[in-house]
Protein backbone atom coordinates (compact mmCIF):
# COMPACT_ATOMS: atom_id res chain seq x y z
CA UNK A 1 118.86 79.18 72.27
CA UNK A 2 120.37 82.66 72.57
CA UNK A 3 118.78 85.81 71.18
CA UNK A 4 121.48 85.99 68.48
CA UNK A 5 120.74 82.43 67.33
CA UNK A 6 117.01 83.14 67.35
CA UNK A 7 117.50 86.14 65.07
CA UNK A 8 119.63 84.12 62.65
CA UNK A 9 117.11 81.30 62.52
CA UNK A 10 114.25 83.75 61.91
CA UNK A 11 112.43 83.13 65.19
CA UNK A 12 111.85 85.82 67.78
CA UNK A 13 111.55 85.39 71.54
CA UNK A 14 107.96 85.43 72.79
CA UNK A 15 106.81 88.89 73.79
CA UNK A 16 105.30 89.15 77.26
CA UNK A 17 101.95 90.91 77.57
CA UNK A 18 101.87 90.96 81.37
CA UNK A 19 104.38 91.06 84.22
CA UNK A 20 103.71 90.83 87.95
CA UNK A 21 106.31 91.91 90.47
CA UNK A 22 106.90 93.43 93.88
CA UNK A 23 108.13 97.00 94.40
CA UNK A 24 111.63 97.05 95.91
CA UNK A 25 111.91 100.83 96.03
CA UNK A 26 110.58 104.16 94.81
CA UNK A 27 112.31 107.39 93.86
CA UNK A 28 111.08 110.58 92.23
CA UNK A 29 112.28 112.13 88.98
CA UNK A 30 110.11 115.17 89.77
CA UNK A 31 107.43 115.76 92.39
CA UNK A 32 104.78 114.25 90.11
CA UNK A 33 106.80 111.49 88.35
CA UNK A 34 107.77 108.36 90.25
CA UNK A 35 110.44 105.78 89.34
CA UNK A 36 109.56 102.25 90.45
CA UNK A 37 112.28 99.65 91.08
CA UNK A 38 111.02 96.06 91.09
CA UNK A 39 112.59 93.14 92.98
CA UNK A 40 113.48 91.49 89.63
CA UNK A 41 115.84 94.40 88.84
CA UNK A 42 113.59 96.18 86.34
CA UNK A 43 113.06 99.92 86.63
CA UNK A 44 109.91 101.63 85.35
CA UNK A 45 109.26 105.36 85.12
CA UNK A 46 105.87 107.05 85.26
CA UNK A 47 105.17 108.36 81.74
CA UNK A 48 102.51 110.96 82.59
CA UNK A 49 102.50 113.33 85.55
CA UNK A 50 100.05 112.62 88.35
CA UNK A 51 100.03 114.45 91.64
CA UNK A 52 99.31 111.56 94.04
CA UNK A 53 100.11 107.89 93.67
CA UNK A 54 99.36 105.20 96.21
CA UNK A 55 102.43 103.02 95.60
CA UNK A 56 104.63 101.69 98.41
CA UNK A 57 107.64 99.39 98.63
CA UNK A 58 106.39 95.83 99.07
CA UNK A 59 103.27 96.38 96.94
CA UNK A 60 102.62 93.86 94.19
CA UNK A 61 102.09 95.49 90.81
CA UNK A 62 101.03 94.19 87.41
CA UNK A 63 102.34 95.77 84.21
CA UNK A 64 100.30 95.11 81.08
CA UNK A 65 100.99 95.89 77.46
CA UNK A 66 98.37 98.23 75.99
CA UNK A 67 97.64 99.63 72.58
CA UNK A 68 100.47 100.88 70.37
CA UNK A 69 103.19 99.51 72.64
CA UNK A 70 102.25 101.45 75.78
CA UNK A 71 102.57 99.82 79.22
CA UNK A 72 100.21 100.29 82.19
CA UNK A 73 100.94 99.59 85.85
CA UNK A 74 98.25 98.60 88.35
CA UNK A 75 98.24 97.67 92.02
CA UNK A 76 95.55 97.30 94.65
CA UNK A 77 95.47 101.11 95.05
CA UNK A 78 96.60 102.42 91.62
CA UNK A 79 95.08 101.54 88.26
CA UNK A 80 96.11 102.35 84.70
CA UNK A 81 99.28 104.30 85.40
CA UNK A 82 101.15 104.61 82.09
CA UNK A 83 104.82 103.70 82.52
CA UNK A 84 107.92 103.16 80.40
CA UNK A 85 110.77 100.81 81.10
CA UNK A 86 114.05 102.46 82.03
CA UNK A 87 116.11 99.33 82.82
């Protein structure tokens, strides 16, 4: 069933609370804000500045939904990094 049909029938697609993926690449918006590209094509941007992050291409990350619609990214070396989805 497509998203359009689901809206018409009154049902909504299930909302994911957790996503696990592998980092395909990293770029920097500014020196303290990283943009993370995942292998599944999604792009996530760091929402709060932080001077040093231990993220590398090939790392597996988990993104969890938090309170009030915020999202948090964690890996083996980074925990609780607030992110927002760009694409």
